Protein backbone atom coordinates (compact mmCIF):
# COMPACT_ATOMS: atom_id res chain seq x y z
CA MET A 1 -0.19 -1.12 -3.82
CA ARG A 2 1.30 -4.47 -2.88
CA ASN A 3 4.62 -5.43 -1.33
CA ALA A 4 7.72 -5.63 -3.49
CA ARG A 5 8.77 -9.15 -4.49
CA PHE A 6 12.49 -8.29 -4.56
CA GLY A 7 14.70 -6.44 -2.10
CA ILE A 8 17.85 -4.35 -2.22
CA GLY A 9 20.86 -6.60 -2.74
CA GLN A 10 18.88 -9.40 -4.38
CA LEU A 11 20.06 -10.92 -7.65
CA VAL A 12 17.51 -10.77 -10.46
CA ARG A 13 17.18 -11.68 -14.13
CA HIS A 14 15.17 -9.75 -16.72
CA ARG A 15 12.49 -12.04 -18.20
CA LEU A 16 12.47 -10.43 -21.65
CA PHE A 17 16.08 -9.40 -22.21
CA ASN A 18 17.77 -12.15 -20.14
CA TYR A 19 20.35 -9.97 -18.40
CA ARG A 20 21.34 -10.44 -14.75
CA GLY A 21 21.73 -7.74 -12.16
CA VAL A 22 21.36 -6.66 -8.55
CA VAL A 23 18.59 -4.50 -7.10
CA VAL A 24 19.85 -1.18 -5.68
CA ASP A 25 16.52 0.61 -5.12
CA VAL A 26 12.81 -0.20 -5.01
CA ASP A 27 9.97 2.19 -5.82
CA PRO A 28 6.46 1.17 -4.68
CA ARG A 29 5.17 2.42 -8.05
CA PHE A 30 6.55 3.93 -11.26
CA MET A 31 8.38 7.17 -10.41
CA LEU A 32 9.87 8.41 -13.70
CA SER A 33 8.30 10.72 -16.29
CA GLU A 34 5.41 9.86 -18.58
CA ALA A 35 7.71 10.63 -21.54
CA TRP A 36 10.19 7.99 -20.33
CA TYR A 37 7.38 5.46 -19.88
CA GLN A 38 6.03 6.08 -23.39
CA GLN A 39 9.48 5.85 -24.99
CA VAL A 40 11.09 3.01 -23.03
CA ALA A 41 8.41 0.83 -21.40
CA LYS A 42 7.19 -0.70 -24.67
CA SER A 43 5.34 -3.62 -23.03
CA ARG A 44 3.39 -1.10 -20.89
CA PRO A 45 3.90 -2.74 -17.49
CA PRO A 46 1.64 -1.47 -14.72
CA LYS A 47 2.68 1.78 -13.09
CA GLU A 48 1.04 0.96 -9.75
CA ALA A 49 3.18 -2.13 -9.09
CA PRO A 50 6.80 -1.96 -7.80
CA TRP A 51 9.66 -0.81 -10.07
CA TYR A 52 13.37 -1.46 -9.46
CA ARG A 53 16.72 0.16 -10.19
CA VAL A 54 19.07 -2.66 -11.23
CA LEU A 55 22.84 -2.60 -11.78
CA VAL A 56 23.38 -4.72 -14.89
CA HIS A 57 26.03 -7.49 -14.79
CA ASN A 58 29.08 -6.89 -17.01
CA ALA A 59 27.86 -3.39 -17.94
CA VAL A 60 28.36 0.18 -16.75
CA HIS A 61 24.69 1.20 -16.73
CA GLU A 62 21.65 0.56 -14.59
CA THR A 63 18.07 -0.08 -15.64
CA TYR A 64 14.66 0.81 -14.27
CA VAL A 65 12.47 -2.27 -14.49
CA ALA A 66 8.88 -3.17 -13.68
CA GLU A 67 8.44 -6.05 -11.27
CA ARG A 68 6.56 -8.19 -13.80
CA ASN A 69 9.69 -8.23 -16.00
CA LEU A 70 11.97 -9.61 -13.28
CA GLU A 71 12.53 -12.99 -11.72
CA ALA A 72 14.94 -14.16 -9.04
CA ASP A 73 18.33 -15.17 -10.46
CA PRO A 74 18.92 -18.73 -9.28
CA GLY A 75 22.64 -18.78 -10.15
CA GLY A 76 23.82 -17.05 -7.00
CA GLU A 77 26.93 -15.69 -8.71
CA PRO A 78 28.18 -12.15 -7.97
CA VAL A 79 27.50 -9.30 -10.38
CA ASN A 80 30.31 -7.40 -12.09
CA HIS A 81 29.52 -3.67 -12.11
CA PRO A 82 31.76 -0.65 -11.40
CA GLU A 83 29.25 0.96 -8.99
CA LEU A 84 28.75 -2.03 -6.66
CA GLY A 85 30.93 -0.46 -3.96
CA GLN A 86 28.68 2.59 -3.79
CA TYR A 87 25.79 0.43 -2.61
CA PHE A 88 27.15 -2.75 -1.07
CA GLU A 89 29.87 -3.82 1.32
CA ALA A 90 29.80 -7.60 0.92
CA PHE A 91 28.42 -10.53 -1.09
CA SER A 92 27.41 -13.65 0.82
CA GLY A 93 24.91 -16.44 0.31
CA GLY A 94 23.92 -15.23 -3.14
CA ARG A 95 22.99 -11.73 -1.92
CA TYR A 96 24.65 -8.36 -1.48
CA ARG A 97 24.69 -6.62 1.89
CA ALA A 98 24.04 -2.88 1.73
CA THR A 99 26.71 -0.44 2.85
CA ARG A 100 25.93 1.13 6.20
CA ARG A 101 25.47 4.85 5.88
CA SER A 102 25.92 7.34 8.70
CA ASN A 103 23.50 10.24 9.12
């Protein structure tokens, strides 16, 4: 396994579907079911590379995306998503800052 290219709070763009979003979680490898992979991951991205949960801009859903299908979003504009407040407390310098959680 290699290091993830993107981090939590980073703005990304999907290379194939051209939507923007913000990373809310990073898995070091594919962590969903084989059935999901067969049905949804049509381009068959590698399972052993990082995968990301992304809140999609101007939508109410999130996606699970292989690293090879993402690129950094150069625009630096905030994302509009109803669940942003569950993950982040601020947006500054083109990046979201994660909410501090108490144990």
